[in-house]
Amino acid sequence: MFRCSNCFITLLNFITLVAAAMLILMSMSFGNNTNQTTCQKVVQQPMMILGVVLLIISLMGIVGAACHVSFLLWIYLFMLFCIITGMIIYSLFSLFFTLSHLENKSHGKSDHEKSDWEDKFQEYSQWMKNVVPDEKQWDKIKSCMIDAKMCKYIPADRTEDYYKTKLLKIQSGCCIPPAYCHFQFQNASTWIVPKGGAVDGDADCKAWSNEPNLMCYNCNACKKSTFDSIKESSAHTSLISLIIFIILSIIYSIGCCALTNNSYRERAYGYNGYRPYGPGPYGYP
C-alpha cells in the first residue's frame, strides 16, 4: 500500500506537470500575439501564475514521492492543505452570497419595463451593486464574451418570435435589444430603430447597436443577465467544487501514506538511503 502511494503521487504529479507546462506555453503564446485582445491580456497573467504554481507543486510531489525526500513531501502536503482550506472558504463565501441574494430578491420588485440601475439590480446584495457597475471590470467581461462570439451562435434563419422567446437568458440580454424598445426585427443582427426614435430616458434602448462587437453589450440588461446566469450556475459550480474537494482530500490522504512510507524507509535504510545494519525491518530488500 505504501509503495503504491508513492507511485500514485508520482504519476498524478507527472500529469499535473504536463498540464502546468501547457498553461505556461498558452500564456506565453498570448503574450507573443501582436493582435492580443483585452480578454487574452486579462487571462494571460493568472494563467501564467497558475501554471508556475502547479509546476512547482508537481515537481515537489514527484521528487518527494519518487526520490523519497520527506522534506519536499511535507511542503507538498502543506500547499495541498492550503488549497483545500481555500476551497472551503470559497464555498462558504458562495453560500453566503447565494443566501444574501435570495433574501434581497424576496424583498425586491423587478420592473422589466425600465433600465434604471436600481430597478434592474435592486434584488442584488450591496456587494454586487458595488461590483457590477464597475466599468473597468465589465469591459473585461464584455471583451471575453465578444471573443467567444456568443451572439454568433444564434441561428440566422429564425423568425422574430424565436429571438424573443427561445434564446438563452444571457443571449436575450446581450444580443438583442430589450422588447420594450419596440425595435423592428430585420435579421439576427439587425434591428431597426422605430421612426419615433429610441425610448426617451432609457439607456439600454440608446445603447443598442447593430455592430457585432457592440450590440447590447453596454446595456444594463446584458450586465444583469450575465450575472444572473453566473448565479444560476452556482449549483453546478458547487457540485464541481465538491467533486474537486473530495479528489483533493483523497490525494492528500495518499500523500500522507507516501510520507509515512518515506519515514519507514528512512528508519530502515538511514537518512542517506542506505541500509546500515542488514535487511530492513519493514520488508525492504
C-alpha atoms as a PDB file:
ATOM      1  CA  MET A   1       0.000   0.000   0.000  1.00  0.00           C
ATOM      2  CA  PHE A   2       2.778   2.378   0.980  1.00  0.00           C
ATOM      3  CA  ARG A   3       4.794   1.763  -2.181  1.00  0.00           C
ATOM      4  CA  CYS A   4       1.640   2.162  -4.302  1.00  0.00           C
ATOM      5  CA  SER A   5       1.004   5.540  -2.655  1.00  0.00           C
ATOM      6  CA  ASN A   6       4.402   6.812  -3.785  1.00  0.00           C
ATOM      7  CA  CYS A   7       3.798   5.574  -7.343  1.00  0.00           C
ATOM      8  CA  PHE A   8       0.331   7.127  -7.422  1.00  0.00           C
ATOM      9  CA  ILE A   9       1.562  10.538  -6.192  1.00  0.00           C
ATOM     10  CA  THR A  10       4.404  10.443  -8.749  1.00  0.00           C
ATOM     11  CA  LEU A  11       2.069   9.567 -11.627  1.00  0.00           C
ATOM     12  CA  LEU A  12      -0.543  12.140 -10.625  1.00  0.00           C
ATOM     13  CA  ASN A  13       2.010  14.927 -10.336  1.00  0.00           C
ATOM     14  CA  PHE A  14       3.517  13.995 -13.677  1.00  0.00           C
ATOM     15  CA  ILE A  15       0.078  14.587 -15.232  1.00  0.00           C
ATOM     16  CA  THR A  16      -0.287  17.951 -13.453  1.00  0.00           C
ATOM     17  CA  LEU A  17       3.278  18.802 -14.537  1.00  0.00           C
ATOM     18  CA  VAL A  18       2.258  18.345 -18.185  1.00  0.00           C
ATOM     19  CA  ALA A  19      -0.892  20.440 -17.604  1.00  0.00           C
ATOM     20  CA  ALA A  20       1.212  23.178 -15.963  1.00  0.00           C
ATOM     21  CA  ALA A  21       3.599  23.235 -18.918  1.00  0.00           C
ATOM     22  CA  MET A  22       0.658  23.590 -21.311  1.00  0.00           C
ATOM     23  CA  LEU A  23      -0.742  26.519 -19.293  1.00  0.00           C
ATOM     24  CA  ILE A  24       2.628  28.278 -19.323  1.00  0.00           C
ATOM     25  CA  LEU A  25       3.018  27.753 -23.085  1.00  0.00           C
ATOM     26  CA  MET A  26      -0.513  29.066 -23.729  1.00  0.00           C
ATOM     27  CA  SER A  27       0.187  32.122 -21.590  1.00  0.00           C
ATOM     28  CA  MET A  28       3.429  32.757 -23.482  1.00  0.00           C
ATOM     29  CA  SER A  29       1.620  32.421 -26.822  1.00  0.00           C
ATOM     30  CA  PHE A  30      -0.913  35.038 -25.699  1.00  0.00           C
ATOM     31  CA  GLY A  31       1.950  37.353 -24.774  1.00  0.00           C
ATOM     32  CA  ASN A  32       3.656  36.902 -28.146  1.00  0.00           C
ATOM     33  CA  ASN A  33       0.435  37.579 -30.055  1.00  0.00           C
ATOM     34  CA  THR A  34       0.706  41.006 -31.710  1.00  0.00           C
ATOM     35  CA  ASN A  35      -3.098  41.205 -32.032  1.00  0.00           C
ATOM     36  CA  GLN A  36      -3.690  40.364 -28.385  1.00  0.00           C
ATOM     37  CA  THR A  37      -7.271  41.050 -27.264  1.00  0.00           C
ATOM     38  CA  THR A  38      -8.315  42.511 -23.909  1.00  0.00           C
ATOM     39  CA  CYS A  39      -9.612  39.110 -22.822  1.00  0.00           C
ATOM     40  CA  GLN A  40      -6.275  37.455 -23.614  1.00  0.00           C
ATOM     41  CA  LYS A  41      -4.471  40.166 -21.638  1.00  0.00           C
ATOM     42  CA  VAL A  42      -6.776  39.539 -18.674  1.00  0.00           C
ATOM     43  CA  VAL A  43      -6.282  35.746 -18.607  1.00  0.00           C
ATOM     44  CA  GLN A  44      -2.578  35.745 -19.523  1.00  0.00           C
ATOM     45  CA  GLN A  45      -1.141  36.642 -16.109  1.00  0.00           C
ATOM     46  CA  PRO A  46      -3.472  34.405 -13.998  1.00  0.00           C
ATOM     47  CA  MET A  47      -2.791  31.544 -16.429  1.00  0.00           C
ATOM     48  CA  MET A  48       0.976  32.046 -16.085  1.00  0.00           C
ATOM     49  CA  ILE A  49       0.780  32.232 -12.267  1.00  0.00           C
ATOM     50  CA  LEU A  50      -1.409  29.111 -12.096  1.00  0.00           C
ATOM     51  CA  GLY A  51       0.950  27.264 -14.438  1.00  0.00           C
ATOM     52  CA  VAL A  52       4.055  28.180 -12.411  1.00  0.00           C
ATOM     53  CA  VAL A  53       2.397  27.258  -9.082  1.00  0.00           C
ATOM     54  CA  LEU A  54       1.226  23.909 -10.483  1.00  0.00           C
ATOM     55  CA  LEU A  55       4.702  23.320 -11.911  1.00  0.00           C
ATOM     56  CA  ILE A  56       6.377  23.914  -8.544  1.00  0.00           C
ATOM     57  CA  ILE A  57       3.857  21.775  -6.635  1.00  0.00           C
ATOM     58  CA  SER A  58       4.127  18.968  -9.195  1.00  0.00           C
ATOM     59  CA  LEU A  59       7.939  18.938  -9.095  1.00  0.00           C
ATOM     60  CA  MET A  60       7.911  18.784  -5.284  1.00  0.00           C
ATOM     61  CA  GLY A  61       5.395  15.940  -5.381  1.00  0.00           C
ATOM     62  CA  ILE A  62       7.397  13.967  -7.972  1.00  0.00           C
ATOM     63  CA  VAL A  63      10.783  14.412  -6.264  1.00  0.00           C
ATOM     64  CA  GLY A  64       9.297  13.907  -2.803  1.00  0.00           C
ATOM     65  CA  ALA A  65       7.473  10.681  -3.712  1.00  0.00           C
ATOM     66  CA  ALA A  66       9.824   9.154  -6.311  1.00  0.00           C
ATOM     67  CA  CYS A  67      13.104  10.042  -4.563  1.00  0.00           C
ATOM     68  CA  HIS A  68      11.684   9.655  -1.026  1.00  0.00           C
ATOM     69  CA  VAL A  69      12.510  13.208   0.043  1.00  0.00           C
ATOM     70  CA  SER A  70      10.295  13.757   3.086  1.00  0.00           C
ATOM     71  CA  PHE A  71      11.027  17.472   3.372  1.00  0.00           C
ATOM     72  CA  LEU A  72       9.579  18.165  -0.095  1.00  0.00           C
ATOM     73  CA  LEU A  73       6.586  15.934   0.622  1.00  0.00           C
ATOM     74  CA  TRP A  74       5.900  17.985   3.774  1.00  0.00           C
ATOM     75  CA  ILE A  75       5.857  21.193   1.725  1.00  0.00           C
ATOM     76  CA  TYR A  76       3.743  19.495  -0.974  1.00  0.00           C
ATOM     77  CA  LEU A  77       1.141  18.372   1.575  1.00  0.00           C
ATOM     78  CA  PHE A  78       1.140  21.787   3.265  1.00  0.00           C
ATOM     79  CA  MET A  79       0.415  23.528  -0.044  1.00  0.00           C
ATOM     80  CA  LEU A  80      -2.301  20.963  -0.813  1.00  0.00           C
ATOM     81  CA  PHE A  81      -3.801  21.637   2.617  1.00  0.00           C
ATOM     82  CA  CYS A  82      -3.817  25.387   1.881  1.00  0.00           C
ATOM     83  CA  ILE A  83      -5.649  24.739  -1.412  1.00  0.00           C
ATOM     84  CA  ILE A  84      -8.267  22.583   0.337  1.00  0.00           C
ATOM     85  CA  THR A  85      -8.729  25.245   3.030  1.00  0.00           C
ATOM     86  CA  GLY A  86      -9.108  27.915   0.346  1.00  0.00           C
ATOM     87  CA  MET A  87     -11.797  25.839  -1.366  1.00  0.00           C
ATOM     88  CA  ILE A  88     -13.719  25.543   1.913  1.00  0.00           C
ATOM     89  CA  ILE A  89     -13.551  29.331   2.432  1.00  0.00           C
ATOM     90  CA  TYR A  90     -14.646  29.928  -1.173  1.00  0.00           C
ATOM     91  CA  SER A  91     -17.597  27.516  -0.763  1.00  0.00           C
ATOM     92  CA  LEU A  92     -18.711  29.274   2.425  1.00  0.00           C
ATOM     93  CA  PHE A  93     -18.472  32.651   0.680  1.00  0.00           C
ATOM     94  CA  SER A  94     -20.509  31.352  -2.271  1.00  0.00           C
ATOM     95  CA  LEU A  95     -23.157  30.003   0.100  1.00  0.00           C
ATOM     96  CA  PHE A  96     -23.329  33.328   1.960  1.00  0.00           C
ATOM     97  CA  PHE A  97     -23.569  35.219  -1.329  1.00  0.00           C
ATOM     98  CA  THR A  98     -26.366  32.969  -2.628  1.00  0.00           C
ATOM     99  CA  LEU A  99     -28.374  33.244   0.588  1.00  0.00           C
ATOM    100  CA  SER A 100     -27.977  37.042   0.706  1.00  0.00           C
ATOM    101  CA  HIS A 101     -29.131  37.268  -2.905  1.00  0.00           C
ATOM    102  CA  LEU A 102     -32.217  35.148  -2.226  1.00  0.00           C
ATOM    103  CA  GLU A 103     -33.084  37.296   0.788  1.00  0.00           C
ATOM    104  CA  ASN A 104     -32.730  40.519  -1.208  1.00  0.00           C
ATOM    105  CA  LYS A 105     -34.701  39.047  -4.091  1.00  0.00           C
ATOM    106  CA  SER A 106     -37.608  38.137  -1.841  1.00  0.00           C
ATOM    107  CA  HIS A 107     -37.874  41.781  -0.721  1.00  0.00           C
ATOM    108  CA  GLY A 108     -37.267  43.360  -4.113  1.00  0.00           C
ATOM    109  CA  LYS A 109     -39.570  44.088  -7.004  1.00  0.00           C
ATOM    110  CA  SER A 110     -38.415  43.747 -10.585  1.00  0.00           C
ATOM    111  CA  ASP A 111     -39.531  46.118 -13.302  1.00  0.00           C
ATOM    112  CA  HIS A 112     -38.643  44.855 -16.778  1.00  0.00           C
ATOM    113  CA  GLU A 113     -40.006  47.981 -18.441  1.00  0.00           C
ATOM    114  CA  LYS A 114     -37.228  50.167 -17.068  1.00  0.00           C
ATOM    115  CA  SER A 115     -33.497  50.141 -17.372  1.00  0.00           C
ATOM    116  CA  ASP A 116     -32.782  52.333 -14.372  1.00  0.00           C
ATOM    117  CA  TRP A 117     -29.882  50.887 -12.411  1.00  0.00           C
ATOM    118  CA  GLU A 118     -31.674  50.474  -9.088  1.00  0.00           C
ATOM    119  CA  ASP A 119     -34.772  48.989 -10.740  1.00  0.00           C
ATOM    120  CA  LYS A 120     -32.781  46.335 -12.546  1.00  0.00           C
ATOM    121  CA  PHE A 121     -30.401  45.447  -9.703  1.00  0.00           C
ATOM    122  CA  GLN A 122     -32.475  46.117  -6.594  1.00  0.00           C
ATOM    123  CA  GLU A 123     -32.586  42.412  -5.645  1.00  0.00           C
ATOM    124  CA  TYR A 124     -28.769  42.230  -5.621  1.00  0.00           C
ATOM    125  CA  SER A 125     -26.765  42.399  -2.435  1.00  0.00           C
ATOM    126  CA  GLN A 126     -24.948  45.644  -1.740  1.00  0.00           C
ATOM    127  CA  TRP A 127     -21.646  43.949  -2.540  1.00  0.00           C
ATOM    128  CA  MET A 128     -22.880  43.001  -6.013  1.00  0.00           C
ATOM    129  CA  LYS A 129     -24.258  46.510  -6.578  1.00  0.00           C
ATOM    130  CA  ASN A 130     -20.757  47.826  -5.983  1.00  0.00           C
ATOM    131  CA  VAL A 131     -19.100  45.270  -8.293  1.00  0.00           C
ATOM    132  CA  VAL A 132     -21.480  45.101 -11.260  1.00  0.00           C
ATOM    133  CA  PRO A 133     -21.387  48.784 -12.292  1.00  0.00           C
ATOM    134  CA  ASP A 134     -17.585  48.854 -12.322  1.00  0.00           C
ATOM    135  CA  GLU A 135     -16.963  49.746 -15.972  1.00  0.00           C
ATOM    136  CA  LYS A 136     -13.354  48.551 -15.888  1.00  0.00           C
ATOM    137  CA  GLN A 137     -14.375  45.088 -14.718  1.00  0.00           C
ATOM    138  CA  TRP A 138     -17.321  44.979 -17.105  1.00  0.00           C
ATOM    139  CA  ASP A 139     -15.074  45.850 -20.074  1.00  0.00           C
ATOM    140  CA  LYS A 140     -13.015  42.736 -19.324  1.00  0.00           C
ATOM    141  CA  ILE A 141     -16.098  40.512 -19.107  1.00  0.00           C
ATOM    142  CA  LYS A 142     -17.556  42.072 -22.248  1.00  0.00           C
ATOM    143  CA  SER A 143     -14.310  41.542 -24.148  1.00  0.00           C
ATOM    144  CA  CYS A 144     -14.301  37.828 -23.267  1.00  0.00           C
ATOM    145  CA  MET A 145     -17.920  37.443 -24.404  1.00  0.00           C
ATOM    146  CA  ILE A 146     -17.101  39.144 -27.714  1.00  0.00           C
ATOM    147  CA  ASP A 147     -14.020  36.926 -28.172  1.00  0.00           C
ATOM    148  CA  ALA A 148     -16.207  33.869 -27.532  1.00  0.00           C
ATOM    149  CA  LYS A 149     -18.557  35.090 -30.318  1.00  0.00           C
ATOM    150  CA  MET A 150     -21.500  34.357 -28.057  1.00  0.00           C
ATOM    151  CA  CYS A 151     -24.039  36.157 -30.262  1.00  0.00           C
ATOM    152  CA  LYS A 152     -22.800  34.460 -33.441  1.00  0.00           C
ATOM    153  CA  TYR A 153     -24.161  31.124 -32.245  1.00  0.00           C
ATOM    154  CA  ILE A 154     -27.727  32.379 -32.685  1.00  0.00           C
ATOM    155  CA  PRO A 155     -29.294  30.818 -35.841  1.00  0.00           C
ATOM    156  CA  ALA A 156     -29.723  33.412 -38.593  1.00  0.00           C
ATOM    157  CA  ASP A 157     -32.745  31.825 -40.263  1.00  0.00           C
ATOM    158  CA  ARG A 158     -35.268  32.093 -37.420  1.00  0.00           C
ATOM    159  CA  THR A 159     -38.327  34.313 -37.102  1.00  0.00           C
ATOM    160  CA  GLU A 160     -38.615  37.297 -34.780  1.00  0.00           C
ATOM    161  CA  ASP A 161     -40.586  35.169 -32.318  1.00  0.00           C
ATOM    162  CA  TYR A 162     -37.600  32.884 -31.846  1.00  0.00           C
ATOM    163  CA  TYR A 163     -35.316  35.746 -30.827  1.00  0.00           C
ATOM    164  CA  LYS A 164     -37.839  36.989 -28.269  1.00  0.00           C
ATOM    165  CA  THR A 165     -38.711  33.677 -26.604  1.00  0.00           C
ATOM    166  CA  LYS A 166     -36.154  30.928 -27.345  1.00  0.00           C
ATOM    167  CA  LEU A 167     -32.785  32.497 -26.617  1.00  0.00           C
ATOM    168  CA  LEU A 168     -30.694  31.823 -23.546  1.00  0.00           C
ATOM    169  CA  LYS A 169     -31.051  34.481 -20.871  1.00  0.00           C
ATOM    170  CA  ILE A 170     -27.575  35.877 -21.467  1.00  0.00           C
ATOM    171  CA  GLN A 171     -28.151  35.998 -25.247  1.00  0.00           C
ATOM    172  CA  SER A 172     -31.517  37.671 -24.753  1.00  0.00           C
ATOM    173  CA  GLY A 173     -29.884  40.362 -22.616  1.00  0.00           C
ATOM    174  CA  CYS A 174     -26.779  40.964 -24.728  1.00  0.00           C
ATOM    175  CA  CYS A 175     -27.580  40.005 -28.326  1.00  0.00           C
ATOM    176  CA  ILE A 176     -30.956  41.663 -28.998  1.00  0.00           C
ATOM    177  CA  PRO A 177     -32.466  44.989 -27.916  1.00  0.00           C
ATOM    178  CA  PRO A 178     -34.938  44.886 -24.977  1.00  0.00           C
ATOM    179  CA  ALA A 179     -38.501  44.088 -26.088  1.00  0.00           C
ATOM    180  CA  TYR A 180     -39.882  47.317 -24.612  1.00  0.00           C
ATOM    181  CA  CYS A 181     -37.693  49.323 -27.023  1.00  0.00           C
ATOM    182  CA  HIS A 182     -40.022  48.135 -29.835  1.00  0.00           C
ATOM    183  CA  PHE A 183     -37.218  47.852 -32.386  1.00  0.00           C
ATOM    184  CA  GLN A 184     -38.232  46.315 -35.714  1.00  0.00           C
ATOM    185  CA  PHE A 185     -36.685  42.922 -36.461  1.00  0.00           C
ATOM    186  CA  GLN A 186     -34.884  42.523 -39.771  1.00  0.00           C
ATOM    187  CA  ASN A 187     -32.500  39.608 -39.171  1.00  0.00           C
ATOM    188  CA  ALA A 188     -30.385  38.044 -36.426  1.00  0.00           C
ATOM    189  CA  SER A 189     -28.011  41.006 -36.145  1.00  0.00           C
ATOM    190  CA  THR A 190     -30.047  43.917 -37.500  1.00  0.00           C
ATOM    191  CA  TRP A 191     -32.846  45.695 -35.657  1.00  0.00           C
ATOM    192  CA  ILE A 192     -34.304  48.954 -36.941  1.00  0.00           C
ATOM    193  CA  VAL A 193     -34.959  51.830 -34.550  1.00  0.00           C
ATOM    194  CA  PRO A 194     -38.628  52.971 -34.608  1.00  0.00           C
ATOM    195  CA  LYS A 195     -39.365  56.140 -36.565  1.00  0.00           C
ATOM    196  CA  GLY A 196     -40.086  57.914 -33.304  1.00  0.00           C
ATOM    197  CA  GLY A 197     -36.588  57.072 -32.069  1.00  0.00           C
ATOM    198  CA  ALA A 198     -35.427  55.129 -29.022  1.00  0.00           C
ATOM    199  CA  VAL A 199     -37.451  55.269 -25.812  1.00  0.00           C
ATOM    200  CA  ASP A 200     -36.757  58.580 -24.104  1.00  0.00           C
ATOM    201  CA  GLY A 201     -34.660  58.316 -20.978  1.00  0.00           C
ATOM    202  CA  ASP A 202     -33.913  54.611 -21.499  1.00  0.00           C
ATOM    203  CA  ALA A 203     -30.173  53.917 -21.553  1.00  0.00           C
ATOM    204  CA  ASP A 204     -30.499  50.375 -22.916  1.00  0.00           C
ATOM    205  CA  CYS A 205     -32.537  51.386 -25.973  1.00  0.00           C
ATOM    206  CA  LYS A 206     -29.984  54.045 -26.819  1.00  0.00           C
ATOM    207  CA  ALA A 207     -27.043  51.709 -26.165  1.00  0.00           C
ATOM    208  CA  TRP A 208     -28.124  49.139 -28.778  1.00  0.00           C
ATOM    209  CA  SER A 209     -26.035  48.924 -31.956  1.00  0.00           C
ATOM    210  CA  ASN A 210     -26.190  46.597 -34.961  1.00  0.00           C
ATOM    211  CA  GLU A 211     -22.385  46.355 -34.906  1.00  0.00           C
ATOM    212  CA  PRO A 212     -21.402  42.725 -33.997  1.00  0.00           C
ATOM    213  CA  ASN A 213     -18.913  43.918 -31.354  1.00  0.00           C
ATOM    214  CA  LEU A 214     -21.338  46.380 -29.764  1.00  0.00           C
ATOM    215  CA  MET A 215     -24.936  45.088 -29.957  1.00  0.00           C
ATOM    216  CA  CYS A 216     -26.297  45.323 -26.394  1.00  0.00           C
ATOM    217  CA  TYR A 217     -23.032  44.578 -24.574  1.00  0.00           C
ATOM    218  CA  ASN A 218     -23.170  48.049 -22.989  1.00  0.00           C
ATOM    219  CA  CYS A 219     -26.759  47.590 -21.788  1.00  0.00           C
ATOM    220  CA  ASN A 220     -27.696  47.179 -18.138  1.00  0.00           C
ATOM    221  CA  ALA A 221     -29.880  44.278 -19.323  1.00  0.00           C
ATOM    222  CA  CYS A 222     -26.739  42.500 -20.577  1.00  0.00           C
ATOM    223  CA  LYS A 223     -24.937  43.043 -17.273  1.00  0.00           C
ATOM    224  CA  LYS A 224     -27.903  41.742 -15.307  1.00  0.00           C
ATOM    225  CA  SER A 225     -28.432  38.675 -17.498  1.00  0.00           C
ATOM    226  CA  THR A 226     -24.721  37.864 -17.298  1.00  0.00           C
ATOM    227  CA  PHE A 227     -24.577  37.967 -13.516  1.00  0.00           C
ATOM    228  CA  ASP A 228     -27.936  36.204 -13.230  1.00  0.00           C
ATOM    229  CA  SER A 229     -26.537  33.387 -15.388  1.00  0.00           C
ATOM    230  CA  ILE A 230     -23.500  33.177 -13.120  1.00  0.00           C
ATOM    231  CA  LYS A 231     -25.748  32.915 -10.067  1.00  0.00           C
ATOM    232  CA  GLU A 232     -27.951  30.284 -11.691  1.00  0.00           C
ATOM    233  CA  SER A 233     -24.905  28.172 -12.489  1.00  0.00           C
ATOM    234  CA  SER A 234     -23.764  28.328  -8.853  1.00  0.00           C
ATOM    235  CA  ALA A 235     -25.418  24.952  -8.182  1.00  0.00           C
ATOM    236  CA  HIS A 236     -23.275  23.319 -10.882  1.00  0.00           C
ATOM    237  CA  THR A 237     -20.216  25.187  -9.625  1.00  0.00           C
ATOM    238  CA  SER A 238     -20.870  23.955  -6.080  1.00  0.00           C
ATOM    239  CA  LEU A 239     -21.146  20.365  -7.343  1.00  0.00           C
ATOM    240  CA  ILE A 240     -17.871  20.670  -9.268  1.00  0.00           C
ATOM    241  CA  SER A 241     -16.202  22.233  -6.207  1.00  0.00           C
ATOM    242  CA  LEU A 242     -17.439  19.335  -4.051  1.00  0.00           C
ATOM    243  CA  ILE A 243     -16.031  16.767  -6.502  1.00  0.00           C
ATOM    244  CA  ILE A 244     -12.665  18.589  -6.626  1.00  0.00           C
ATOM    245  CA  PHE A 245     -12.655  18.830  -2.812  1.00  0.00           C
ATOM    246  CA  ILE A 246     -13.219  15.045  -2.497  1.00  0.00           C
ATOM    247  CA  ILE A 247     -10.492  14.279  -5.067  1.00  0.00           C
ATOM    248  CA  LEU A 248      -8.009  16.605  -3.349  1.00  0.00           C
ATOM    249  CA  SER A 249      -8.844  15.083   0.034  1.00  0.00           C
ATOM    250  CA  ILE A 250      -8.150  11.592  -1.344  1.00  0.00           C
ATOM    251  CA  ILE A 251      -4.873  12.800  -2.881  1.00  0.00           C
ATOM    252  CA  TYR A 252      -3.938  14.412   0.432  1.00  0.00           C
ATOM    253  CA  SER A 253      -4.604  11.128   2.272  1.00  0.00           C
ATOM    254  CA  ILE A 254      -2.499   9.164  -0.226  1.00  0.00           C
ATOM    255  CA  GLY A 255       0.211  11.817   0.109  1.00  0.00           C
ATOM    256  CA  CYS A 256       0.213  11.221   3.871  1.00  0.00           C
ATOM    257  CA  CYS A 257       0.684   7.500   3.184  1.00  0.00           C
ATOM    258  CA  ALA A 258       3.632   8.337   0.908  1.00  0.00           C
ATOM    259  CA  LEU A 259       5.139  10.481   3.664  1.00  0.00           C
ATOM    260  CA  THR A 260       4.718   7.625   6.143  1.00  0.00           C
ATOM    261  CA  ASN A 261       6.384   5.331   3.622  1.00  0.00           C
ATOM    262  CA  ASN A 262       9.333   7.720   3.443  1.00  0.00           C
ATOM    263  CA  SER A 263       9.607   7.683   7.249  1.00  0.00           C
ATOM    264  CA  TYR A 264       9.659   3.872   7.307  1.00  0.00           C
ATOM    265  CA  ARG A 265      12.293   3.857   4.583  1.00  0.00           C
ATOM    266  CA  GLU A 266      14.474   6.335   6.480  1.00  0.00           C
ATOM    267  CA  ARG A 267      14.288   4.158   9.596  1.00  0.00           C
ATOM    268  CA  ALA A 268      15.121   1.039   7.607  1.00  0.00           C
ATOM    269  CA  TYR A 269      17.848   2.479   5.367  1.00  0.00           C
ATOM    270  CA  GLY A 270      19.027   5.546   7.245  1.00  0.00           C
ATOM    271  CA  TYR A 271      18.671   9.116   6.060  1.00  0.00           C
ATOM    272  CA  ASN A 272      21.157   8.604   3.224  1.00  0.00           C
ATOM    273  CA  GLY A 273      19.069   5.878   1.639  1.00  0.00           C
ATOM    274  CA  TYR A 274      21.476   3.000   2.507  1.00  0.00           C
ATOM    275  CA  ARG A 275      20.682   0.086   4.795  1.00  0.00           C
ATOM    276  CA  PRO A 276      23.052   0.474   7.748  1.00  0.00           C
ATOM    277  CA  TYR A 277      22.646  -2.860   9.507  1.00  0.00           C
ATOM    278  CA  GLY A 278      21.465  -5.575   7.131  1.00  0.00           C
ATOM    279  CA  PRO A 279      17.866  -6.123   5.924  1.00  0.00           C
ATOM    280  CA  GLY A 280      15.353  -3.511   6.974  1.00  0.00           C
ATOM    281  CA  PRO A 281      12.625  -4.385   9.488  1.00  0.00           C
ATOM    282  CA  TYR A 282       9.839  -3.226   7.159  1.00  0.00           C
ATOM    283  CA  GLY A 283      10.322  -5.709   4.348  1.00  0.00           C
ATOM    284  CA  TYR A 284      12.618  -3.644   2.110  1.00  0.00           C
ATOM    285  CA  PRO A 285      15.180  -5.779   0.222  1.00  0.00           C
END
